[in-house]
Amino acid sequence: MLRNGVAMATIVASVLLLGAATPPPGPVPDDPADPDRAAEYWLDGAGIRDAWQTTRGDGVTIAIIDTGIAKVPGVFDGAVVGGTDVSGTGTPDGRTPVGAIDGNHGSWVASLAAGRGSADGKGMIGVAPEADLLSISVGFGAAAAVPFTEQVAKAMRWAVDHGADIINLSFTTNTLDWDRSWDDAFLYAFEHDVVVVVAAGNRGSGTNIIGAPATIPGVLTVGGVDQTGTASIEASTQGITIGIAAPSEGLRGVSADGTVVPWSGTSGAAPIVAGIAALVRSAHPELDAANVINRIIKTAIKVPGMADPPDPLYGYGLVDADAAITADLPKVSENPMGDLAEWVRLFRRAESVPQPEPTAAPVEVPPLPDADAPTDPGSPLLPSAESLRYGTLPLIALTVPGILIALGVTAAARRIRSARARTPHP
């Protein structure tokens, strides 16, 4: 009896434990006097602090395909759980910044997405401070020994194979089309239920319209706005594939040496959205990638004057992290940002229509008559039979009568003058 009673008590306790709601996380340490933390206006403006009352990204992995996440003490301690280099110039763990110019870029992006923040509430903190990070270092231009398209394709597959739930791509190629190798690489991510977040590009750096990978169907393309929520002129661009807008001006990022610096661009707007996607996936682990994206765009804040979504500047509106987590939305069965598999089928692999076979009989053309036999060449100064026939004889026939007529007229004129001379005048 006692054994059975203990077993029953254990079963009841287990049922109660499974049915109990997960307790909300404690408050995030925030020092209002700290200038770096106070500068992160998007934490409140995009509803991120409110979302933290539900989740902070625990259990979700974000892959940062960029110039490498530096080993900055405190900011990324325990955050980076793996990495690699695909540029041919970095280190195997992907943690050495690649490129003399862009070396800090990967660390800036990662700090916005999932920087840990300090226990005293000072310094930079990311949107999903409990999410894990993968650091995949790529090189731009001369900073790489491998072609860029090959780097991206390899990086996408590596991220998927090493557990990425979200992939962040904060770069553009400034061209609408993309290399065919990216078809399979991005399809590989979508087939493995990964949310791919991409920056739209910036006018200030010469991108007037969005380019690949932001044009690839299925990715969540992020446009940029300023601190007032107005589309940024320099730190964003426009295009019909923009799905959501997020802050891209007055941002902060942690450099490879640990200093916090100001920066702008959709390269920063993208990881803000990637961090929000991590919050949604953490709060709703049952949702697939299509429904995570759907929650983000369908709960966006509409901007006065924007066109019907997707607007070329704002997409579906301004991102709202708390609404994306808490809203009651029906599930969707397709990615609202498009179907890459269908695009590839139509535009890359569609079989060409066979050309019809000719049915009319060929037209027979009678043979041409034989050419005249060649003649011996003569002197160009002596007349030939042809020149006599068509030149000299007709000329004589026309000239002789003319001369005779002229002589007759002249003689007649002389007789008339002689007769007048003999006639007396009154």
Protein backbone atom coordinates (compact mmCIF):
# COMPACT_ATOMS: atom_id res chain seq x y z
CA MET A 1 0.00 0.00 0.00
CA LEU A 2 2.70 2.45 0.95
CA ARG A 3 4.63 1.67 -2.21
CA ASN A 4 1.52 2.17 -4.29
CA GLY A 5 0.71 5.35 -2.39
CA VAL A 6 4.21 6.70 -3.02
CA ALA A 7 3.94 5.80 -6.69
CA MET A 8 0.57 7.51 -6.97
CA ALA A 9 1.91 10.62 -5.25
CA THR A 10 4.85 10.65 -7.62
CA ILE A 11 2.54 10.39 -10.65
CA VAL A 12 0.31 13.20 -9.36
CA ALA A 13 3.34 15.40 -8.68
CA SER A 14 4.64 14.72 -12.19
CA VAL A 15 1.31 15.65 -13.76
CA LEU A 16 1.17 18.87 -11.75
CA LEU A 17 4.75 19.71 -12.73
CA LEU A 18 4.07 19.14 -16.44
CA GLY A 19 0.90 21.22 -16.34
CA ALA A 20 2.45 24.14 -14.48
CA ALA A 21 3.20 27.29 -16.47
CA THR A 22 6.83 28.29 -16.95
CA PRO A 23 7.59 31.07 -14.48
CA PRO A 24 8.39 34.40 -16.11
CA PRO A 25 12.06 35.37 -16.13
CA GLY A 26 13.28 37.92 -13.62
CA PRO A 27 13.92 41.53 -14.53
CA VAL A 28 16.83 42.39 -16.81
CA PRO A 29 19.44 44.48 -14.99
CA ASP A 30 19.26 48.01 -16.40
CA ASP A 31 21.22 51.02 -15.23
CA PRO A 32 19.32 54.08 -16.50
CA ALA A 33 22.42 56.22 -15.93
CA ASP A 34 24.57 54.09 -18.23
CA PRO A 35 24.94 55.95 -21.57
CA ASP A 36 25.35 52.79 -23.69
CA ARG A 37 22.24 51.11 -22.32
CA ALA A 38 20.25 54.33 -22.47
CA ALA A 39 21.20 54.77 -26.15
CA GLU A 40 19.47 51.52 -27.11
CA TYR A 41 16.18 53.25 -27.89
CA TRP A 42 14.93 50.24 -29.90
CA LEU A 43 14.59 48.14 -26.75
CA ASP A 44 11.50 50.13 -25.84
CA GLY A 45 10.58 51.44 -29.30
CA ALA A 46 10.33 47.95 -30.79
CA GLY A 47 8.66 46.37 -27.75
CA ILE A 48 11.71 44.29 -26.84
CA ARG A 49 11.75 45.03 -23.11
CA ASP A 50 8.09 44.03 -22.94
CA ALA A 51 8.89 40.81 -24.80
CA TRP A 52 11.56 40.02 -22.21
CA GLN A 53 8.78 39.48 -19.70
CA THR A 54 8.02 36.29 -21.66
CA THR A 55 11.36 35.16 -23.08
CA ARG A 56 14.91 36.26 -23.86
CA GLY A 57 15.69 33.76 -26.58
CA ASP A 58 16.73 30.77 -24.52
CA GLY A 59 17.08 27.57 -26.54
CA VAL A 60 17.42 29.29 -29.95
CA THR A 61 20.58 29.51 -32.06
CA ILE A 62 21.34 32.44 -34.38
CA ALA A 63 24.02 32.03 -37.06
CA ILE A 64 25.87 35.26 -37.90
CA ILE A 65 27.35 34.91 -41.39
CA ASP A 66 29.62 37.94 -41.37
CA THR A 67 33.23 38.94 -40.78
CA GLY A 68 33.51 36.95 -37.55
CA ILE A 69 32.46 37.48 -33.92
CA ALA A 70 35.49 38.59 -31.92
CA LYS A 71 36.33 37.14 -28.52
CA VAL A 72 35.09 40.11 -26.50
CA PRO A 73 35.02 39.33 -22.76
CA GLY A 74 31.62 39.69 -21.13
CA VAL A 75 29.62 40.53 -24.25
CA PHE A 76 29.88 37.09 -25.89
CA ASP A 77 30.93 34.91 -22.96
CA GLY A 78 28.92 31.73 -23.25
CA ALA A 79 27.02 33.05 -26.25
CA VAL A 80 29.09 31.71 -29.15
CA VAL A 81 28.69 27.93 -29.21
CA GLY A 82 30.44 27.19 -32.50
CA GLY A 83 31.92 28.66 -35.62
CA THR A 84 33.96 28.22 -38.76
CA ASP A 85 35.73 30.22 -41.45
CA VAL A 86 34.75 30.00 -45.12
CA SER A 87 36.89 32.89 -46.39
CA GLY A 88 40.18 31.01 -46.42
CA THR A 89 41.85 33.77 -44.40
CA GLY A 90 40.29 33.48 -40.93
CA THR A 91 40.74 30.96 -38.15
CA PRO A 92 38.91 27.59 -37.96
CA ASP A 93 36.62 28.76 -35.13
CA GLY A 94 35.37 31.81 -37.05
CA ARG A 95 36.27 34.09 -34.16
CA THR A 96 39.08 36.07 -35.79
CA PRO A 97 37.78 39.22 -37.55
CA VAL A 98 38.33 39.04 -41.31
CA GLY A 99 39.25 42.17 -43.27
CA ALA A 100 41.10 45.34 -42.32
CA ILE A 101 38.06 47.52 -43.07
CA ASP A 102 35.10 45.30 -42.17
CA GLY A 103 36.67 43.35 -39.33
CA ASN A 104 34.39 44.86 -36.65
CA HIS A 105 31.21 44.34 -38.66
CA GLY A 106 30.51 40.81 -37.49
CA SER A 107 30.92 41.77 -33.83
CA TRP A 108 28.61 44.77 -34.22
CA VAL A 109 25.94 42.57 -35.78
CA ALA A 110 26.26 39.84 -33.14
CA SER A 111 26.12 42.32 -30.24
CA LEU A 112 22.81 43.69 -31.52
CA ALA A 113 21.32 40.23 -31.98
CA ALA A 114 22.40 38.50 -28.78
CA GLY A 115 24.97 40.44 -26.76
CA ARG A 116 24.87 39.20 -23.18
CA GLY A 117 24.91 42.44 -21.24
CA SER A 118 26.59 42.81 -17.87
CA ALA A 119 25.19 41.84 -14.49
CA ASP A 120 25.28 45.44 -13.29
CA GLY A 121 23.04 46.64 -16.13
CA LYS A 122 25.77 48.59 -17.92
CA GLY A 123 27.03 48.36 -21.48
CA MET A 124 25.54 46.90 -24.63
CA ILE A 125 22.84 44.21 -24.50
CA GLY A 126 21.37 42.34 -27.42
CA VAL A 127 17.75 41.77 -28.40
CA ALA A 128 17.88 38.07 -27.45
CA PRO A 129 20.51 38.01 -24.67
CA GLU A 130 19.96 34.32 -23.87
CA ALA A 131 20.15 32.99 -27.43
CA ASP A 132 23.20 31.09 -28.68
CA LEU A 133 25.38 32.29 -31.54
CA LEU A 134 27.28 30.65 -34.38
CA SER A 135 30.16 32.67 -35.85
CA ILE A 136 30.79 32.01 -39.55
CA SER A 137 33.48 34.33 -40.88
CA VAL A 138 33.36 35.44 -44.50
CA GLY A 139 35.57 37.87 -46.38
CA PHE A 140 34.60 40.68 -48.72
CA GLY A 141 36.74 41.57 -51.71
CA ALA A 142 40.48 41.23 -51.14
CA ALA A 143 39.87 39.91 -47.61
CA ALA A 144 39.01 36.46 -48.99
CA ALA A 145 40.86 33.72 -50.82
CA VAL A 146 37.57 32.08 -51.88
CA PRO A 147 34.94 33.54 -54.27
CA PHE A 148 32.20 35.28 -52.31
CA THR A 149 29.30 33.32 -53.80
CA GLU A 150 31.05 30.09 -52.85
CA GLN A 151 31.61 31.37 -49.31
CA VAL A 152 27.94 32.18 -48.79
CA ALA A 153 26.72 28.85 -50.16
CA LYS A 154 29.11 26.94 -47.90
CA ALA A 155 28.28 29.12 -44.88
CA MET A 156 24.54 28.54 -45.27
CA ARG A 157 24.94 24.79 -45.29
CA TRP A 158 27.36 24.80 -42.37
CA ALA A 159 24.97 26.91 -40.29
CA VAL A 160 22.06 24.56 -40.96
CA ASP A 161 24.12 21.46 -40.23
CA HIS A 162 25.26 22.92 -36.89
CA GLY A 163 21.84 23.71 -35.50
CA ALA A 164 20.98 27.24 -36.63
CA ASP A 165 17.34 28.18 -36.08
CA ILE A 166 17.91 31.65 -37.56
CA ILE A 167 20.51 32.90 -40.04
CA ASN A 168 21.42 36.59 -40.25
CA LEU A 169 22.90 38.03 -43.47
CA SER A 170 23.87 41.70 -43.13
CA PHE A 171 25.25 42.27 -46.62
CA THR A 172 24.09 42.89 -50.19
CA THR A 173 25.48 42.24 -53.65
CA ASN A 174 23.79 45.27 -55.28
CA THR A 175 22.37 43.02 -58.00
CA LEU A 176 18.84 41.64 -58.26
CA ASP A 177 19.93 38.19 -59.41
CA TRP A 178 22.15 35.76 -57.54
CA ASP A 179 24.51 32.92 -58.30
CA ARG A 180 22.83 29.60 -59.05
CA SER A 181 24.75 27.94 -56.22
CA TRP A 182 22.66 29.99 -53.82
CA ASP A 183 19.46 28.29 -55.02
CA ASP A 184 20.35 25.01 -53.36
CA ALA A 185 22.02 26.66 -50.35
CA PHE A 186 18.96 28.72 -49.44
CA LEU A 187 16.59 25.88 -50.26
CA TYR A 188 18.64 23.75 -47.87
CA ALA A 189 17.95 26.27 -45.10
CA PHE A 190 14.23 26.52 -45.86
CA GLU A 191 13.84 22.75 -46.07
CA HIS A 192 15.38 22.54 -42.58
CA ASP A 193 12.97 25.09 -41.11
CA VAL A 194 15.44 27.95 -40.69
CA VAL A 195 14.38 31.62 -40.63
CA VAL A 196 16.72 33.64 -42.89
CA VAL A 197 16.89 37.38 -42.10
CA VAL A 198 18.56 39.69 -44.65
CA ALA A 199 19.48 43.40 -44.73
CA ALA A 200 17.92 45.47 -47.52
CA GLY A 201 21.01 47.63 -48.11
CA ASN A 202 21.70 51.36 -47.77
CA ARG A 203 21.44 54.27 -50.18
CA GLY A 204 24.39 55.89 -48.46
CA SER A 205 26.65 53.09 -49.67
CA GLY A 206 25.34 53.21 -53.22
CA THR A 207 22.44 50.75 -53.01
CA ASN A 208 19.41 52.47 -54.53
CA ILE A 209 17.33 49.32 -54.83
CA ILE A 210 17.61 46.10 -52.89
CA GLY A 211 19.85 43.37 -54.21
CA ALA A 212 20.48 39.70 -53.52
CA PRO A 213 20.24 37.98 -51.11
CA ALA A 214 17.37 40.32 -50.13
CA THR A 215 15.62 39.47 -53.40
CA ILE A 216 15.56 35.71 -52.79
CA PRO A 217 12.01 34.41 -52.18
CA GLY A 218 11.43 33.22 -48.63
CA VAL A 219 13.91 35.43 -46.79
CA LEU A 220 12.70 38.10 -44.36
CA THR A 221 14.15 41.31 -45.78
CA VAL A 222 14.59 44.21 -43.33
CA GLY A 223 14.36 47.88 -44.28
CA GLY A 224 15.53 50.68 -42.01
CA VAL A 225 13.93 53.61 -40.17
CA ASP A 226 15.26 56.45 -38.05
CA GLN A 227 14.52 57.15 -34.38
CA THR A 228 11.07 58.57 -35.27
CA GLY A 229 10.03 55.52 -37.26
CA THR A 230 10.42 57.28 -40.60
CA ALA A 231 12.08 55.44 -43.49
CA SER A 232 15.78 56.25 -43.47
CA ILE A 233 17.13 58.09 -46.50
CA GLU A 234 20.78 57.09 -46.17
CA ALA A 235 20.67 54.01 -43.93
CA SER A 236 18.16 52.00 -45.93
CA THR A 237 16.87 51.44 -49.43
CA GLN A 238 13.59 50.39 -51.00
CA GLY A 239 12.10 47.43 -52.83
CA ILE A 240 9.02 45.26 -53.08
CA THR A 241 10.66 42.37 -51.22
CA ILE A 242 11.04 44.29 -47.93
CA GLY A 243 9.01 42.48 -45.31
CA ILE A 244 9.58 44.49 -42.12
CA ALA A 245 11.20 47.74 -40.97
CA ALA A 246 13.46 48.17 -37.93
CA PRO A 247 15.78 50.88 -36.55
CA SER A 248 18.83 51.51 -38.75
CA GLU A 249 20.04 54.89 -37.48
CA GLY A 250 21.78 55.83 -34.24
CA LEU A 251 22.64 52.21 -33.48
CA ARG A 252 25.31 50.85 -31.16
CA GLY A 253 27.67 47.94 -31.63
CA VAL A 254 30.52 46.28 -29.76
CA SER A 255 33.79 46.30 -31.71
CA ALA A 256 36.40 43.57 -31.68
CA ASP A 257 38.36 45.42 -29.00
CA GLY A 258 35.31 45.66 -26.74
CA THR A 259 34.51 49.35 -27.29
CA VAL A 260 30.93 50.38 -27.99
CA VAL A 261 30.68 52.53 -31.12
CA PRO A 262 27.83 54.25 -32.99
CA TRP A 263 26.89 52.99 -36.43
CA SER A 264 23.99 52.96 -38.88
CA GLY A 265 22.56 50.84 -41.68
CA THR A 266 20.25 47.94 -42.35
CA SER A 267 23.21 45.75 -41.39
CA GLY A 268 22.09 46.66 -37.86
CA ALA A 269 18.36 46.56 -38.52
CA ALA A 270 18.62 42.93 -39.65
CA PRO A 271 20.09 41.51 -36.40
CA ILE A 272 17.47 43.40 -34.39
CA VAL A 273 14.84 41.46 -36.33
CA ALA A 274 16.89 38.26 -36.11
CA GLY A 275 16.92 38.69 -32.33
CA ILE A 276 13.15 39.20 -32.32
CA ALA A 277 12.74 36.06 -34.41
CA ALA A 278 14.74 34.25 -31.71
CA LEU A 279 12.37 35.57 -29.05
CA VAL A 280 9.38 34.33 -31.05
CA ARG A 281 10.91 30.90 -31.63
CA SER A 282 11.80 30.62 -27.95
CA ALA A 283 8.28 31.57 -26.84
CA HIS A 284 6.62 29.38 -29.49
CA PRO A 285 8.90 26.39 -30.14
CA GLU A 286 6.03 24.62 -31.91
CA LEU A 287 5.97 27.14 -34.76
CA ASP A 288 7.78 26.53 -38.02
CA ALA A 289 9.79 29.19 -39.82
CA ALA A 290 6.87 30.32 -41.99
CA ASN A 291 4.73 31.05 -38.93
CA VAL A 292 7.56 32.85 -37.13
CA ILE A 293 7.92 35.17 -40.12
CA ASN A 294 4.15 35.52 -40.37
CA ARG A 295 3.92 36.62 -36.73
CA ILE A 296 6.60 39.26 -37.22
CA ILE A 297 5.06 40.83 -40.31
CA LYS A 298 1.37 40.50 -39.36
CA THR A 299 1.86 42.22 -35.99
CA ALA A 300 3.92 45.08 -37.43
CA ILE A 301 2.90 48.66 -36.65
CA LYS A 302 1.49 50.41 -39.70
CA VAL A 303 3.11 53.73 -40.60
CA PRO A 304 0.79 56.62 -41.56
CA GLY A 305 0.85 57.12 -45.31
CA MET A 306 2.45 53.79 -46.16
CA ALA A 307 1.05 51.91 -49.13
CA ASP A 308 -0.75 48.62 -48.85
CA PRO A 309 1.75 46.03 -47.65
CA PRO A 310 4.27 45.15 -48.68
CA ASP A 311 5.23 48.82 -48.91
CA PRO A 312 8.56 49.39 -50.76
CA LEU A 313 9.93 51.33 -47.75
CA TYR A 314 8.32 49.69 -44.71
CA GLY A 315 7.19 46.26 -45.89
CA TYR A 316 4.34 45.36 -43.54
CA GLY A 317 5.31 48.06 -41.03
CA LEU A 318 7.53 48.63 -37.99
CA VAL A 319 8.55 45.55 -36.05
CA ASP A 320 6.88 44.98 -32.66
CA ALA A 321 8.53 42.20 -30.64
CA ASP A 322 5.94 41.98 -27.86
CA ALA A 323 3.02 41.81 -30.28
CA ALA A 324 4.80 39.15 -32.34
CA ILE A 325 5.03 36.98 -29.22
CA THR A 326 1.66 37.60 -27.62
CA ALA A 327 -0.75 38.06 -30.54
CA ASP A 328 -3.36 35.42 -31.28
CA LEU A 329 -2.85 34.57 -34.95
CA PRO A 330 -4.03 31.67 -37.09
CA LYS A 331 -1.30 29.48 -38.49
CA VAL A 332 -0.25 29.65 -42.12
CA SER A 333 0.85 26.81 -44.34
CA GLU A 334 3.18 28.78 -46.63
CA ASN A 335 6.00 31.27 -46.17
CA PRO A 336 4.42 34.71 -46.68
CA MET A 337 7.68 36.01 -48.15
CA GLY A 338 7.56 33.61 -51.09
CA ASP A 339 8.43 30.09 -52.21
CA LEU A 340 11.99 29.68 -53.46
CA ALA A 341 11.37 26.10 -54.57
CA GLU A 342 8.59 27.23 -56.89
CA TRP A 343 10.70 30.12 -58.18
CA VAL A 344 13.55 27.77 -58.97
CA ARG A 345 11.18 25.38 -60.71
CA LEU A 346 9.78 28.14 -62.92
CA PHE A 347 12.83 30.24 -63.68
CA ARG A 348 15.80 27.91 -63.33
CA ARG A 349 14.72 24.38 -64.13
CA ALA A 350 11.61 24.61 -66.30
CA GLU A 351 11.83 22.33 -69.31
CA SER A 352 11.86 24.16 -72.63
CA VAL A 353 8.93 23.53 -74.98
CA PRO A 354 10.07 21.33 -77.90
CA GLN A 355 10.10 23.09 -81.23
CA PRO A 356 7.57 21.76 -83.81
CA GLU A 357 8.90 19.63 -86.65
CA PRO A 358 8.58 21.19 -90.14
CA THR A 359 5.72 19.68 -92.18
CA ALA A 360 5.98 21.53 -95.54
CA ALA A 361 8.02 19.93 -98.36
CA PRO A 362 11.12 21.82 -99.41
CA VAL A 363 10.75 24.08 -102.44
CA GLU A 364 12.73 22.93 -105.49
CA VAL A 365 14.55 25.72 -107.32
CA PRO A 366 15.47 25.09 -111.03
CA PRO A 367 19.17 25.20 -111.73
CA LEU A 368 20.66 28.36 -113.13
CA PRO A 369 21.88 28.38 -116.76
CA ASP A 370 25.51 27.73 -117.40
CA ALA A 371 27.74 30.76 -117.32
CA ASP A 372 29.26 32.09 -120.54
CA ALA A 373 32.64 30.75 -121.41
CA PRO A 374 35.44 33.10 -120.43
CA THR A 375 37.10 35.09 -123.24
CA ASP A 376 40.73 35.93 -123.72
CA PRO A 377 41.57 39.25 -122.14
CA GLY A 378 42.35 41.97 -124.69
CA SER A 379 44.00 45.35 -124.57
CA PRO A 380 41.86 47.98 -122.81
CA LEU A 381 43.00 50.48 -125.52
CA LEU A 382 41.61 48.50 -128.49
CA PRO A 383 37.86 48.29 -129.24
CA SER A 384 36.15 44.98 -128.63
CA ALA A 385 33.11 43.49 -130.29
CA GLU A 386 30.99 44.49 -127.34
CA SER A 387 32.25 48.08 -127.28
CA LEU A 388 31.68 48.41 -131.03
CA ARG A 389 28.18 46.95 -130.79
CA TYR A 390 26.98 48.91 -127.81
CA GLY A 391 29.15 51.99 -127.94
CA THR A 392 30.81 53.04 -131.18
CA LEU A 393 28.14 52.11 -133.77
CA PRO A 394 25.20 53.74 -131.92
CA LEU A 395 27.30 56.83 -131.40
CA ILE A 396 28.07 57.07 -135.18
CA ALA A 397 24.42 56.50 -136.04
CA LEU A 398 23.36 59.43 -133.92
CA THR A 399 26.24 61.76 -134.65
CA VAL A 400 26.36 61.73 -138.54
CA PRO A 401 22.73 62.84 -139.11
CA GLY A 402 23.19 65.55 -136.55
CA ILE A 403 26.22 66.87 -138.39
CA LEU A 404 24.43 66.85 -141.77
CA ILE A 405 21.43 68.70 -140.34
CA ALA A 406 23.71 71.30 -138.79
CA LEU A 407 25.54 71.84 -142.16
CA GLY A 408 22.19 72.25 -143.96
CA VAL A 409 20.96 74.82 -141.49
CA THR A 410 24.20 76.75 -141.75
CA ALA A 411 24.03 76.84 -145.57
CA ALA A 412 20.43 78.02 -145.52
CA ALA A 413 21.30 80.81 -143.14
CA ARG A 414 24.08 82.01 -145.46
CA ARG A 415 21.74 82.12 -148.48
CA ILE A 416 19.21 84.21 -146.58
CA ARG A 417 21.85 86.72 -145.51
CA SER A 418 23.16 86.99 -149.11
CA ALA A 419 19.66 87.64 -150.48
CA ARG A 420 19.03 90.39 -147.94
CA ALA A 421 22.29 92.04 -148.81
CA ARG A 422 21.28 92.32 -152.54
CA THR A 423 17.81 93.73 -151.83
CA PRO A 424 17.78 97.63 -151.99
CA HIS A 425 16.43 99.53 -148.98
CA PRO A 426 13.96 102.53 -149.31
